[in-house]
Amino acid sequence: MIKKAILYTFLLTSFILSAQKAQRFGYVDMQYVLENIPEYNEAQAKINAKANTWKNNLDAKQKEIDALIADLSNEKALLTKELIEDKEEDIQIKELELKKLQNAYFGTDGDLFFLRRQLVKPIQDLVFNAVQDIAVKRKYDFVFDKSTDLIMLYTNKQYDISDLVLTNISRAQKAEAIDEKRNERNKETTQSPVLSEDAQQKVDERELKRAELQSIQEEKRAEQLRKREELIKANEAKRLERINGTSTKIQNTTEDVEAKVVEDEKVTEDALQETEEPEVDPKELRRIELQKSIEAKRAEQLKKREELLKANEAKKQQRIKDIEDAKKAKEEQQENN
């Protein structure tokens, strides 16, 4: 109210002084300007998303407190005075923590305030500079904000500079982008070596070197393929030679085999009488070990689960016992009374 009174006094004084000097006025709709700046909308979306996250966190903590209050209300008749005081103290502590967290998020010096100042204030400064620039160029004595609490009963559209502000901001952003690109090019030119007059010749030389390198790589690849084919042929020849050599050896040693039949039969009988350990396939051995490991882990998990169930059951029984003890104590107290 005081602000409006001061503003009206200022306007009245201005109109009185206008008899001596013609003054120029303009107005701008800041809300309209900001809503038509993409950077402002992006910043506002980020702020809203962060605020919603914080609000959901606060709501979750409030639900937790409400649940504790409801549990206390349901169990209050069965609890002792000390237990009731402990639970009420826990609830008060959580409520105090919730209030502190709420102030940290949405307080006057909270995270939302700093986030808004970080994201929105640069855009507001950009709009303010654009308004000042237009006011100076058009020689306005006063520029009002239509979107504030200032009551404007009538406004002439020709004094609305909102679109001019948007144009000025767009032009400034484009000029800034051009300056950034120019600075990047100048930086690259400064950092890169100065091109000589025969730059095209150097480019051609680089292309020639690239072509030579590609040709060398293709030759190496062809040489590798050729060596691979030779190696395959050599291995095949060795395999055939080994097969032929084995056949010759078998034919030459046929008589020796027949001469040693009796001895081999005796060795076979002796071998049958001995108890040998069957050979175990390594894959089968790994499979057995893996199965044993899985069974051991499953047994360990079952053991932990049983221990957890026992612990939960013990807690449950203890809680029931506490409630029953409290109930008995209350009944005894009533009987004594």
C-alpha atoms as a PDB file:
ATOM      1  CA  MET A   1       0.000   0.000   0.000  1.00  0.00           C
ATOM      2  CA  ILE A   2       2.840   2.390   0.886  1.00  0.00           C
ATOM      3  CA  LYS A   3       4.560   1.434  -2.352  1.00  0.00           C
ATOM      4  CA  LYS A   4       1.457   2.342  -4.369  1.00  0.00           C
ATOM      5  CA  ALA A   5       1.073   5.661  -2.514  1.00  0.00           C
ATOM      6  CA  ILE A   6       4.668   6.590  -3.267  1.00  0.00           C
ATOM      7  CA  LEU A   7       4.190   5.622  -6.904  1.00  0.00           C
ATOM      8  CA  TYR A   8       1.019   7.683  -7.227  1.00  0.00           C
ATOM      9  CA  THR A   9       2.784  10.656  -5.623  1.00  0.00           C
ATOM     10  CA  PHE A  10       5.629  10.240  -8.067  1.00  0.00           C
ATOM     11  CA  LEU A  11       3.245  10.129 -11.020  1.00  0.00           C
ATOM     12  CA  LEU A  12       1.366  13.196  -9.788  1.00  0.00           C
ATOM     13  CA  THR A  13       4.606  15.107  -9.412  1.00  0.00           C
ATOM     14  CA  SER A  14       5.654  14.015 -12.880  1.00  0.00           C
ATOM     15  CA  PHE A  15       2.401  15.220 -14.412  1.00  0.00           C
ATOM     16  CA  ILE A  16       2.762  18.573 -12.624  1.00  0.00           C
ATOM     17  CA  LEU A  17       6.269  18.978 -13.947  1.00  0.00           C
ATOM     18  CA  SER A  18       5.106  17.989 -17.423  1.00  0.00           C
ATOM     19  CA  ALA A  19       3.583  21.453 -17.744  1.00  0.00           C
ATOM     20  CA  GLN A  20       7.094  22.804 -17.954  1.00  0.00           C
ATOM     21  CA  LYS A  21       8.603  19.965 -20.027  1.00  0.00           C
ATOM     22  CA  ALA A  22       7.004  17.303 -22.246  1.00  0.00           C
ATOM     23  CA  GLN A  23       7.925  13.854 -20.933  1.00  0.00           C
ATOM     24  CA  ARG A  24       7.836  10.519 -22.747  1.00  0.00           C
ATOM     25  CA  PHE A  25       6.427   7.355 -21.167  1.00  0.00           C
ATOM     26  CA  GLY A  26       6.506   3.704 -22.156  1.00  0.00           C
ATOM     27  CA  TYR A  27       5.542   0.403 -20.613  1.00  0.00           C
ATOM     28  CA  VAL A  28       6.573  -3.217 -20.920  1.00  0.00           C
ATOM     29  CA  ASP A  29       4.829  -6.463 -20.020  1.00  0.00           C
ATOM     30  CA  MET A  30       7.651  -8.341 -18.300  1.00  0.00           C
ATOM     31  CA  GLN A  31       5.605 -11.527 -17.970  1.00  0.00           C
ATOM     32  CA  TYR A  32       4.933 -11.548 -21.718  1.00  0.00           C
ATOM     33  CA  VAL A  33       8.592 -10.886 -22.493  1.00  0.00           C
ATOM     34  CA  LEU A  34       9.891 -13.635 -20.207  1.00  0.00           C
ATOM     35  CA  GLU A  35       7.394 -16.201 -21.480  1.00  0.00           C
ATOM     36  CA  ASN A  36       8.664 -15.608 -25.036  1.00  0.00           C
ATOM     37  CA  ILE A  37      12.324 -16.196 -24.152  1.00  0.00           C
ATOM     38  CA  PRO A  38      13.217 -19.930 -24.601  1.00  0.00           C
ATOM     39  CA  GLU A  39      16.041 -19.741 -22.055  1.00  0.00           C
ATOM     40  CA  TYR A  40      13.618 -18.472 -19.409  1.00  0.00           C
ATOM     41  CA  ASN A  41      11.155 -21.299 -20.088  1.00  0.00           C
ATOM     42  CA  GLU A  42      13.964 -23.878 -19.864  1.00  0.00           C
ATOM     43  CA  ALA A  43      15.193 -22.380 -16.597  1.00  0.00           C
ATOM     44  CA  GLN A  44      11.670 -22.311 -15.194  1.00  0.00           C
ATOM     45  CA  ALA A  45      11.164 -25.978 -16.175  1.00  0.00           C
ATOM     46  CA  LYS A  46      14.372 -26.950 -14.356  1.00  0.00           C
ATOM     47  CA  ILE A  47      13.301 -25.001 -11.275  1.00  0.00           C
ATOM     48  CA  ASN A  48       9.840 -26.602 -11.270  1.00  0.00           C
ATOM     49  CA  ALA A  49      11.310 -30.100 -11.663  1.00  0.00           C
ATOM     50  CA  LYS A  50      13.708 -29.529  -8.768  1.00  0.00           C
ATOM     51  CA  ALA A  51      10.957 -28.030  -6.612  1.00  0.00           C
ATOM     52  CA  ASN A  52       8.690 -31.026  -7.312  1.00  0.00           C
ATOM     53  CA  THR A  53      11.489 -33.404  -6.294  1.00  0.00           C
ATOM     54  CA  TRP A  54      11.994 -31.542  -3.027  1.00  0.00           C
ATOM     55  CA  LYS A  55       8.234 -31.412  -2.398  1.00  0.00           C
ATOM     56  CA  ASN A  56       7.917 -35.176  -2.945  1.00  0.00           C
ATOM     57  CA  ASN A  57      10.746 -35.747  -0.466  1.00  0.00           C
ATOM     58  CA  LEU A  58       8.985 -33.587   2.123  1.00  0.00           C
ATOM     59  CA  ASP A  59       5.664 -35.344   1.483  1.00  0.00           C
ATOM     60  CA  ALA A  60       7.304 -38.744   2.005  1.00  0.00           C
ATOM     61  CA  LYS A  61       8.764 -37.641   5.339  1.00  0.00           C
ATOM     62  CA  GLN A  62       5.399 -36.172   6.378  1.00  0.00           C
ATOM     63  CA  LYS A  63       3.677 -39.480   5.584  1.00  0.00           C
ATOM     64  CA  GLU A  64       6.252 -41.265   7.726  1.00  0.00           C
ATOM     65  CA  ILE A  65       5.479 -38.937  10.636  1.00  0.00           C
ATOM     66  CA  ASP A  66       1.728 -39.389  10.138  1.00  0.00           C
ATOM     67  CA  ALA A  67       2.202 -43.170  10.248  1.00  0.00           C
ATOM     68  CA  LEU A  68       4.123 -42.910  13.535  1.00  0.00           C
ATOM     69  CA  ILE A  69       1.375 -40.723  15.007  1.00  0.00           C
ATOM     70  CA  ALA A  70      -1.302 -43.200  13.898  1.00  0.00           C
ATOM     71  CA  ASP A  71       0.619 -46.151  15.373  1.00  0.00           C
ATOM     72  CA  LEU A  72       1.039 -44.325  18.664  1.00  0.00           C
ATOM     73  CA  SER A  73      -2.657 -43.496  18.757  1.00  0.00           C
ATOM     74  CA  ASN A  74      -3.585 -47.154  18.186  1.00  0.00           C
ATOM     75  CA  GLU A  75      -1.120 -48.569  20.730  1.00  0.00           C
ATOM     76  CA  LYS A  76      -1.336 -45.817  23.330  1.00  0.00           C
ATOM     77  CA  ALA A  77      -3.773 -47.725  25.531  1.00  0.00           C
ATOM     78  CA  LEU A  78      -1.373 -50.681  25.750  1.00  0.00           C
ATOM     79  CA  LEU A  79       1.882 -48.772  26.304  1.00  0.00           C
ATOM     80  CA  THR A  80       3.464 -47.539  29.495  1.00  0.00           C
ATOM     81  CA  LYS A  81       3.994 -43.868  30.162  1.00  0.00           C
ATOM     82  CA  GLU A  82       7.719 -44.140  29.428  1.00  0.00           C
ATOM     83  CA  LEU A  83       7.161 -45.800  26.043  1.00  0.00           C
ATOM     84  CA  ILE A  84       4.560 -43.187  25.130  1.00  0.00           C
ATOM     85  CA  GLU A  85       6.960 -40.374  26.014  1.00  0.00           C
ATOM     86  CA  ASP A  86       9.746 -41.991  23.973  1.00  0.00           C
ATOM     87  CA  LYS A  87       7.541 -42.325  20.900  1.00  0.00           C
ATOM     88  CA  GLU A  88       6.255 -38.755  21.252  1.00  0.00           C
ATOM     89  CA  GLU A  89       9.838 -37.527  21.526  1.00  0.00           C
ATOM     90  CA  ASP A  90      10.779 -39.417  18.343  1.00  0.00           C
ATOM     91  CA  ILE A  91       7.840 -37.836  16.526  1.00  0.00           C
ATOM     92  CA  GLN A  92       8.822 -34.355  17.715  1.00  0.00           C
ATOM     93  CA  ILE A  93      12.405 -34.890  16.524  1.00  0.00           C
ATOM     94  CA  LYS A  94      11.225 -35.998  13.083  1.00  0.00           C
ATOM     95  CA  GLU A  95       8.842 -33.025  12.848  1.00  0.00           C
ATOM     96  CA  LEU A  96      11.704 -30.668  13.729  1.00  0.00           C
ATOM     97  CA  GLU A  97      13.930 -32.291  11.096  1.00  0.00           C
ATOM     98  CA  LEU A  98      11.133 -31.937   8.532  1.00  0.00           C
ATOM     99  CA  LYS A  99      10.763 -28.238   9.318  1.00  0.00           C
ATOM    100  CA  LYS A 100      14.522 -27.681   8.978  1.00  0.00           C
ATOM    101  CA  LEU A 101      14.559 -29.523   5.660  1.00  0.00           C
ATOM    102  CA  GLN A 102      11.604 -27.468   4.435  1.00  0.00           C
ATOM    103  CA  ASN A 103      13.444 -24.245   5.284  1.00  0.00           C
ATOM    104  CA  ALA A 104      16.572 -25.572   3.582  1.00  0.00           C
ATOM    105  CA  TYR A 105      14.572 -26.185   0.414  1.00  0.00           C
ATOM    106  CA  PHE A 106      12.079 -23.311   0.287  1.00  0.00           C
ATOM    107  CA  GLY A 107      13.289 -20.812   2.914  1.00  0.00           C
ATOM    108  CA  THR A 108      14.387 -17.244   2.233  1.00  0.00           C
ATOM    109  CA  ASP A 109      17.985 -18.441   1.866  1.00  0.00           C
ATOM    110  CA  GLY A 110      17.065 -21.941   0.695  1.00  0.00           C
ATOM    111  CA  ASP A 111      18.095 -23.975  -2.289  1.00  0.00           C
ATOM    112  CA  LEU A 112      15.161 -22.753  -4.399  1.00  0.00           C
ATOM    113  CA  PHE A 113      16.172 -19.125  -3.877  1.00  0.00           C
ATOM    114  CA  PHE A 114      19.764 -19.757  -4.967  1.00  0.00           C
ATOM    115  CA  LEU A 115      18.670 -21.928  -7.891  1.00  0.00           C
ATOM    116  CA  ARG A 116      16.279 -19.235  -9.118  1.00  0.00           C
ATOM    117  CA  ARG A 117      18.966 -16.582  -8.778  1.00  0.00           C
ATOM    118  CA  GLN A 118      21.431 -18.767 -10.656  1.00  0.00           C
ATOM    119  CA  LEU A 119      19.122 -19.624 -13.572  1.00  0.00           C
ATOM    120  CA  VAL A 120      16.633 -16.749 -13.861  1.00  0.00           C
ATOM    121  CA  LYS A 121      18.556 -13.655 -12.774  1.00  0.00           C
ATOM    122  CA  PRO A 122      20.890 -13.610 -15.835  1.00  0.00           C
ATOM    123  CA  ILE A 123      17.814 -13.625 -18.091  1.00  0.00           C
ATOM    124  CA  GLN A 124      16.164 -10.868 -16.047  1.00  0.00           C
ATOM    125  CA  ASP A 125      19.357  -8.807 -16.318  1.00  0.00           C
ATOM    126  CA  LEU A 126      19.288  -9.340 -20.075  1.00  0.00           C
ATOM    127  CA  VAL A 127      15.709  -8.014 -20.236  1.00  0.00           C
ATOM    128  CA  PHE A 128      16.569  -5.067 -17.989  1.00  0.00           C
ATOM    129  CA  ASN A 129      19.522  -4.107 -20.198  1.00  0.00           C
ATOM    130  CA  ALA A 130      17.311  -4.316 -23.289  1.00  0.00           C
ATOM    131  CA  VAL A 131      14.696  -2.031 -21.669  1.00  0.00           C
ATOM    132  CA  GLN A 132      17.390   0.470 -20.727  1.00  0.00           C
ATOM    133  CA  ASP A 133      18.817   0.421 -24.247  1.00  0.00           C
ATOM    134  CA  ILE A 134      15.414   1.084 -25.824  1.00  0.00           C
ATOM    135  CA  ALA A 135      14.579   3.791 -23.270  1.00  0.00           C
ATOM    136  CA  VAL A 136      17.824   5.614 -24.014  1.00  0.00           C
ATOM    137  CA  LYS A 137      17.466   5.357 -27.800  1.00  0.00           C
ATOM    138  CA  ARG A 138      13.796   6.466 -27.785  1.00  0.00           C
ATOM    139  CA  LYS A 139      14.407   9.044 -25.065  1.00  0.00           C
ATOM    140  CA  TYR A 140      11.786   7.692 -22.665  1.00  0.00           C
ATOM    141  CA  ASP A 141      11.679   9.395 -19.286  1.00  0.00           C
ATOM    142  CA  PHE A 142       9.776   6.516 -17.614  1.00  0.00           C
ATOM    143  CA  VAL A 143       9.171   2.863 -18.459  1.00  0.00           C
ATOM    144  CA  PHE A 144       6.605   0.972 -16.343  1.00  0.00           C
ATOM    145  CA  ASP A 145       6.073  -2.739 -15.893  1.00  0.00           C
ATOM    146  CA  LYS A 146       2.495  -3.656 -16.790  1.00  0.00           C
ATOM    147  CA  SER A 147       2.677  -7.082 -15.099  1.00  0.00           C
ATOM    148  CA  THR A 148       3.338  -5.666 -11.594  1.00  0.00           C
ATOM    149  CA  ASP A 149       0.858  -4.388  -9.010  1.00  0.00           C
ATOM    150  CA  LEU A 150       0.792  -1.024 -10.728  1.00  0.00           C
ATOM    151  CA  ILE A 151      -2.824  -0.281 -11.731  1.00  0.00           C
ATOM    152  CA  MET A 152      -2.961   0.888 -15.345  1.00  0.00           C
ATOM    153  CA  LEU A 153      -6.560   1.785 -16.195  1.00  0.00           C
ATOM    154  CA  TYR A 154      -5.740   2.467 -19.838  1.00  0.00           C
ATOM    155  CA  THR A 155      -2.701   1.784 -22.009  1.00  0.00           C
ATOM    156  CA  ASN A 156      -2.054   2.897 -25.547  1.00  0.00           C
ATOM    157  CA  LYS A 157      -0.532   0.068 -27.572  1.00  0.00           C
ATOM    158  CA  GLN A 158       1.880   2.423 -29.292  1.00  0.00           C
ATOM    159  CA  TYR A 159       3.724   2.894 -25.987  1.00  0.00           C
ATOM    160  CA  ASP A 160       4.104  -0.862 -25.450  1.00  0.00           C
ATOM    161  CA  ILE A 161       7.762  -1.751 -26.022  1.00  0.00           C
ATOM    162  CA  SER A 162       7.476  -5.450 -25.103  1.00  0.00           C
ATOM    163  CA  ASP A 163       8.036  -6.682 -28.673  1.00  0.00           C
ATOM    164  CA  LEU A 164      10.895  -4.218 -29.097  1.00  0.00           C
ATOM    165  CA  VAL A 165      12.511  -5.698 -25.998  1.00  0.00           C
ATOM    166  CA  LEU A 166      12.200  -9.213 -27.438  1.00  0.00           C
ATOM    167  CA  THR A 167      13.692  -8.057 -30.748  1.00  0.00           C
ATOM    168  CA  ASN A 168      16.537  -6.319 -28.938  1.00  0.00           C
ATOM    169  CA  ILE A 169      17.268  -9.455 -26.884  1.00  0.00           C
ATOM    170  CA  SER A 170      17.205 -11.693 -29.972  1.00  0.00           C
ATOM    171  CA  ARG A 171      19.550  -9.319 -31.800  1.00  0.00           C
ATOM    172  CA  ALA A 172      21.897  -9.194 -28.819  1.00  0.00           C
ATOM    173  CA  GLN A 173      21.952 -13.002 -28.534  1.00  0.00           C
ATOM    174  CA  LYS A 174      22.722 -13.380 -32.245  1.00  0.00           C
ATOM    175  CA  ALA A 175      25.491 -10.797 -32.010  1.00  0.00           C
ATOM    176  CA  GLU A 176      26.906 -12.583 -28.977  1.00  0.00           C
ATOM    177  CA  ALA A 177      26.817 -15.926 -30.814  1.00  0.00           C
ATOM    178  CA  ILE A 178      28.601 -14.357 -33.803  1.00  0.00           C
ATOM    179  CA  ASP A 179      31.237 -12.856 -31.502  1.00  0.00           C
ATOM    180  CA  GLU A 180      31.779 -16.232 -29.831  1.00  0.00           C
ATOM    181  CA  LYS A 181      32.241 -17.946 -33.200  1.00  0.00           C
ATOM    182  CA  ARG A 182      34.610 -15.191 -34.317  1.00  0.00           C
ATOM    183  CA  ASN A 183      36.622 -15.517 -31.118  1.00  0.00           C
ATOM    184  CA  GLU A 184      36.792 -19.299 -31.567  1.00  0.00           C
ATOM    185  CA  ARG A 185      38.027 -18.877 -35.135  1.00  0.00           C
ATOM    186  CA  ASN A 186      40.583 -16.291 -34.033  1.00  0.00           C
ATOM    187  CA  LYS A 187      41.709 -18.606 -31.251  1.00  0.00           C
ATOM    188  CA  GLU A 188      42.077 -21.507 -33.676  1.00  0.00           C
ATOM    189  CA  THR A 189      43.964 -19.263 -36.103  1.00  0.00           C
ATOM    190  CA  THR A 190      46.270 -18.101 -33.310  1.00  0.00           C
ATOM    191  CA  GLN A 191      46.935 -21.613 -32.063  1.00  0.00           C
ATOM    192  CA  SER A 192      47.296 -23.244 -35.492  1.00  0.00           C
ATOM    193  CA  PRO A 193      50.408 -22.637 -37.625  1.00  0.00           C
ATOM    194  CA  VAL A 194      50.172 -19.885 -40.231  1.00  0.00           C
ATOM    195  CA  LEU A 195      49.422 -21.260 -43.686  1.00  0.00           C
ATOM    196  CA  SER A 196      52.005 -20.465 -46.320  1.00  0.00           C
ATOM    197  CA  GLU A 197      51.292 -19.546 -49.904  1.00  0.00           C
ATOM    198  CA  ASP A 198      51.736 -23.151 -51.039  1.00  0.00           C
ATOM    199  CA  ALA A 199      48.938 -24.379 -48.691  1.00  0.00           C
ATOM    200  CA  GLN A 200      47.278 -26.207 -51.559  1.00  0.00           C
ATOM    201  CA  GLN A 201      50.513 -28.020 -52.299  1.00  0.00           C
ATOM    202  CA  LYS A 202      50.704 -29.176 -48.670  1.00  0.00           C
ATOM    203  CA  VAL A 203      47.131 -30.390 -48.861  1.00  0.00           C
ATOM    204  CA  ASP A 204      47.972 -32.350 -51.998  1.00  0.00           C
ATOM    205  CA  GLU A 205      51.031 -33.824 -50.295  1.00  0.00           C
ATOM    206  CA  ARG A 206      48.909 -34.939 -47.344  1.00  0.00           C
ATOM    207  CA  GLU A 207      46.425 -36.560 -49.707  1.00  0.00           C
ATOM    208  CA  LEU A 208      49.279 -38.325 -51.512  1.00  0.00           C
ATOM    209  CA  LYS A 209      50.717 -39.603 -48.236  1.00  0.00           C
ATOM    210  CA  ARG A 210      47.288 -40.805 -47.197  1.00  0.00           C
ATOM    211  CA  ALA A 211      46.915 -42.693 -50.504  1.00  0.00           C
ATOM    212  CA  GLU A 212      50.394 -44.236 -50.125  1.00  0.00           C
ATOM    213  CA  LEU A 213      49.609 -45.304 -46.585  1.00  0.00           C
ATOM    214  CA  GLN A 214      46.363 -46.894 -47.723  1.00  0.00           C
ATOM    215  CA  SER A 215      48.225 -48.741 -50.495  1.00  0.00           C
ATOM    216  CA  ILE A 216      50.821 -50.031 -48.008  1.00  0.00           C
ATOM    217  CA  GLN A 217      48.071 -51.246 -45.692  1.00  0.00           C
ATOM    218  CA  GLU A 218      46.370 -53.095 -48.553  1.00  0.00           C
ATOM    219  CA  GLU A 219      49.671 -54.745 -49.515  1.00  0.00           C
ATOM    220  CA  LYS A 220      50.230 -55.847 -45.914  1.00  0.00           C
ATOM    221  CA  ARG A 221      46.731 -57.261 -45.782  1.00  0.00           C
ATOM    222  CA  ALA A 222      47.306 -59.190 -49.023  1.00  0.00           C
ATOM    223  CA  GLU A 223      50.643 -60.504 -47.701  1.00  0.00           C
ATOM    224  CA  GLN A 224      48.953 -61.677 -44.504  1.00  0.00           C
ATOM    225  CA  LEU A 225      46.291 -63.508 -46.503  1.00  0.00           C
ATOM    226  CA  ARG A 226      48.965 -65.164 -48.659  1.00  0.00           C
ATOM    227  CA  LYS A 227      50.936 -66.317 -45.606  1.00  0.00           C
ATOM    228  CA  ARG A 228      47.784 -67.633 -44.039  1.00  0.00           C
ATOM    229  CA  GLU A 229      46.976 -69.716 -47.131  1.00  0.00           C
ATOM    230  CA  GLU A 230      50.538 -71.093 -47.211  1.00  0.00           C
ATOM    231  CA  LEU A 231      50.314 -72.016 -43.542  1.00  0.00           C
ATOM    232  CA  ILE A 232      47.018 -73.820 -44.118  1.00  0.00           C
ATOM    233  CA  LYS A 233      48.525 -75.761 -47.037  1.00  0.00           C
ATOM    234  CA  ALA A 234      51.605 -76.677 -44.978  1.00  0.00           C
ATOM    235  CA  ASN A 235      49.467 -77.930 -42.105  1.00  0.00           C
ATOM    236  CA  GLU A 236      47.368 -79.989 -44.502  1.00  0.00           C
ATOM    237  CA  ALA A 237      50.503 -81.519 -46.025  1.00  0.00           C
ATOM    238  CA  LYS A 238      51.859 -82.396 -42.586  1.00  0.00           C
ATOM    239  CA  ARG A 239      48.557 -83.991 -41.664  1.00  0.00           C
ATOM    240  CA  LEU A 240      48.526 -86.156 -44.813  1.00  0.00           C
ATOM    241  CA  GLU A 241      52.157 -87.121 -44.262  1.00  0.00           C
ATOM    242  CA  ARG A 242      51.405 -88.096 -40.691  1.00  0.00           C
ATOM    243  CA  ILE A 243      48.465 -90.234 -41.823  1.00  0.00           C
ATOM    244  CA  ASN A 244      50.583 -91.983 -44.488  1.00  0.00           C
ATOM    245  CA  GLY A 245      53.416 -92.558 -42.030  1.00  0.00           C
ATOM    246  CA  THR A 246      51.019 -94.072 -39.528  1.00  0.00           C
ATOM    247  CA  SER A 247      49.676 -96.499 -42.161  1.00  0.00           C
ATOM    248  CA  THR A 248      53.209 -97.616 -43.046  1.00  0.00           C
ATOM    249  CA  LYS A 249      54.103 -98.156 -39.440  1.00  0.00           C
ATOM    250  CA  ILE A 250      50.954-100.184 -38.888  1.00  0.00           C
ATOM    251  CA  GLN A 251      51.770-102.430 -41.870  1.00  0.00           C
ATOM    252  CA  ASN A 252      55.408-102.941 -40.796  1.00  0.00           C
ATOM    253  CA  THR A 253      54.551-103.789 -37.223  1.00  0.00           C
ATOM    254  CA  THR A 254      51.743-106.286 -37.946  1.00  0.00           C
ATOM    255  CA  GLU A 255      54.012-109.263 -37.333  1.00  0.00           C
ATOM    256  CA  ASP A 256      55.308-107.786 -34.095  1.00  0.00           C
ATOM    257  CA  VAL A 257      51.760-107.305 -32.928  1.00  0.00           C
ATOM    258  CA  GLU A 258      50.884-110.922 -33.692  1.00  0.00           C
ATOM    259  CA  ALA A 259      53.974-112.115 -31.846  1.00  0.00           C
ATOM    260  CA  LYS A 260      53.014-110.199 -28.778  1.00  0.00           C
ATOM    261  CA  VAL A 261      49.361-111.207 -28.664  1.00  0.00           C
ATOM    262  CA  VAL A 262      49.878-113.588 -25.770  1.00  0.00           C
ATOM    263  CA  GLU A 263      51.811-111.017 -23.813  1.00  0.00           C
ATOM    264  CA  ASP A 264      49.210-108.343 -24.513  1.00  0.00           C
ATOM    265  CA  GLU A 265      46.411-110.679 -23.426  1.00  0.00           C
ATOM    266  CA  LYS A 266      48.249-111.327 -20.193  1.00  0.00           C
ATOM    267  CA  VAL A 267      48.778-107.616 -19.625  1.00  0.00           C
ATOM    268  CA  THR A 268      45.094-107.063 -20.373  1.00  0.00           C
ATOM    269  CA  GLU A 269      44.052-109.665 -17.817  1.00  0.00           C
ATOM    270  CA  ASP A 270      46.347-108.116 -15.220  1.00  0.00           C
ATOM    271  CA  ALA A 271      44.942-104.686 -16.034  1.00  0.00           C
ATOM    272  CA  LEU A 272      41.384-105.945 -15.644  1.00  0.00           C
ATOM    273  CA  GLN A 273      42.212-107.295 -12.209  1.00  0.00           C
ATOM    274  CA  GLU A 274      43.588-103.967 -11.040  1.00  0.00           C
ATOM    275  CA  THR A 275      41.224-101.283  -9.844  1.00  0.00           C
ATOM    276  CA  GLU A 276      41.898 -98.113 -11.791  1.00  0.00           C
ATOM    277  CA  GLU A 277      40.349 -94.783 -11.365  1.00  0.00           C
ATOM    278  CA  PRO A 278      38.284 -93.838 -14.411  1.00  0.00           C
ATOM    279  CA  GLU A 279      39.427 -90.730 -16.196  1.00  0.00           C
ATOM    280  CA  VAL A 280      37.282 -87.747 -15.409  1.00  0.00           C
ATOM    281  CA  ASP A 281      36.338 -85.308 -18.104  1.00  0.00           C
ATOM    282  CA  PRO A 282      37.581 -81.786 -17.155  1.00  0.00           C
ATOM    283  CA  LYS A 283      34.256 -80.283 -18.248  1.00  0.00           C
ATOM    284  CA  GLU A 284      32.375 -82.784 -16.099  1.00  0.00           C
ATOM    285  CA  LEU A 285      34.697 -81.984 -13.190  1.00  0.00           C
ATOM    286  CA  ARG A 286      34.059 -78.247 -13.595  1.00  0.00           C
ATOM    287  CA  ARG A 287      30.335 -78.889 -13.807  1.00  0.00           C
ATOM    288  CA  ILE A 288      30.441 -80.903 -10.559  1.00  0.00           C
ATOM    289  CA  GLU A 289      32.467 -78.203  -8.813  1.00  0.00           C
ATOM    290  CA  LEU A 290      30.071 -75.513 -10.058  1.00  0.00           C
ATOM    291  CA  GLN A 291      27.098 -77.564  -8.851  1.00  0.00           C
ATOM    292  CA  LYS A 292      28.737 -77.955  -5.438  1.00  0.00           C
ATOM    293  CA  SER A 293      29.412 -74.207  -5.295  1.00  0.00           C
ATOM    294  CA  ILE A 294      25.807 -73.405  -6.200  1.00  0.00           C
ATOM    295  CA  GLU A 295      24.512 -75.831  -3.588  1.00  0.00           C
ATOM    296  CA  ALA A 296      26.841 -74.332  -0.975  1.00  0.00           C
ATOM    297  CA  LYS A 297      25.649 -70.805  -1.807  1.00  0.00           C
ATOM    298  CA  ARG A 298      22.031 -71.939  -1.710  1.00  0.00           C
ATOM    299  CA  ALA A 299      22.613 -73.563   1.677  1.00  0.00           C
ATOM    300  CA  GLU A 300      24.270 -70.378   2.942  1.00  0.00           C
ATOM    301  CA  GLN A 301      21.343 -68.272   1.686  1.00  0.00           C
ATOM    302  CA  LEU A 302      18.855 -70.615   3.338  1.00  0.00           C
ATOM    303  CA  LYS A 303      20.843 -70.422   6.553  1.00  0.00           C
ATOM    304  CA  LYS A 304      20.863 -66.617   6.484  1.00  0.00           C
ATOM    305  CA  ARG A 305      17.169 -66.555   5.667  1.00  0.00           C
ATOM    306  CA  GLU A 306      16.403 -68.856   8.602  1.00  0.00           C
ATOM    307  CA  GLU A 307      18.498 -66.668  10.901  1.00  0.00           C
ATOM    308  CA  LEU A 308      16.678 -63.550   9.648  1.00  0.00           C
ATOM    309  CA  LEU A 309      13.287 -65.206  10.165  1.00  0.00           C
ATOM    310  CA  LYS A 310      14.315 -66.256  13.657  1.00  0.00           C
ATOM    311  CA  ALA A 311      15.478 -62.726  14.463  1.00  0.00           C
ATOM    312  CA  ASN A 312      12.247 -61.200  13.149  1.00  0.00           C
ATOM    313  CA  GLU A 313      10.219 -63.751  15.090  1.00  0.00           C
ATOM    314  CA  ALA A 314      12.188 -62.944  18.227  1.00  0.00           C
ATOM    315  CA  LYS A 315      11.544 -59.220  17.747  1.00  0.00           C
ATOM    316  CA  LYS A 316       7.868 -59.917  17.159  1.00  0.00           C
ATOM    317  CA  GLN A 317       7.613 -62.073  20.292  1.00  0.00           C
ATOM    318  CA  GLN A 318       9.475 -59.446  22.302  1.00  0.00           C
ATOM    319  CA  ARG A 319       7.107 -56.733  21.082  1.00  0.00           C
ATOM    320  CA  ILE A 320       4.081 -58.903  21.952  1.00  0.00           C
ATOM    321  CA  LYS A 321       5.594 -59.564  25.365  1.00  0.00           C
ATOM    322  CA  ASP A 322       6.145 -55.836  25.948  1.00  0.00           C
ATOM    323  CA  ILE A 323       2.540 -55.099  25.011  1.00  0.00           C
ATOM    324  CA  GLU A 324       1.240 -57.915  27.224  1.00  0.00           C
ATOM    325  CA  ASP A 325       3.427 -56.784  30.122  1.00  0.00           C
ATOM    326  CA  ALA A 326       2.156 -53.241  29.686  1.00  0.00           C
ATOM    327  CA  LYS A 327      -1.411 -54.512  29.561  1.00  0.00           C
ATOM    328  CA  LYS A 328      -0.922 -56.624  32.712  1.00  0.00           C
ATOM    329  CA  ALA A 329       0.674 -53.710  34.507  1.00  0.00           C
ATOM    330  CA  LYS A 330      -2.237 -51.509  33.574  1.00  0.00           C
ATOM    331  CA  GLU A 331      -4.758 -54.142  34.715  1.00  0.00           C
ATOM    332  CA  GLU A 332      -2.921 -54.605  38.016  1.00  0.00           C
ATOM    333  CA  GLN A 333      -2.897 -50.870  38.499  1.00  0.00           C
ATOM    334  CA  GLN A 334      -6.637 -50.711  37.864  1.00  0.00           C
ATOM    335  CA  GLU A 335      -7.240 -53.600  40.313  1.00  0.00           C
ATOM    336  CA  ASN A 336      -5.175 -51.890  42.981  1.00  0.00           C
ATOM    337  CA  ASN A 337      -7.166 -48.722  42.495  1.00  0.00           C
END
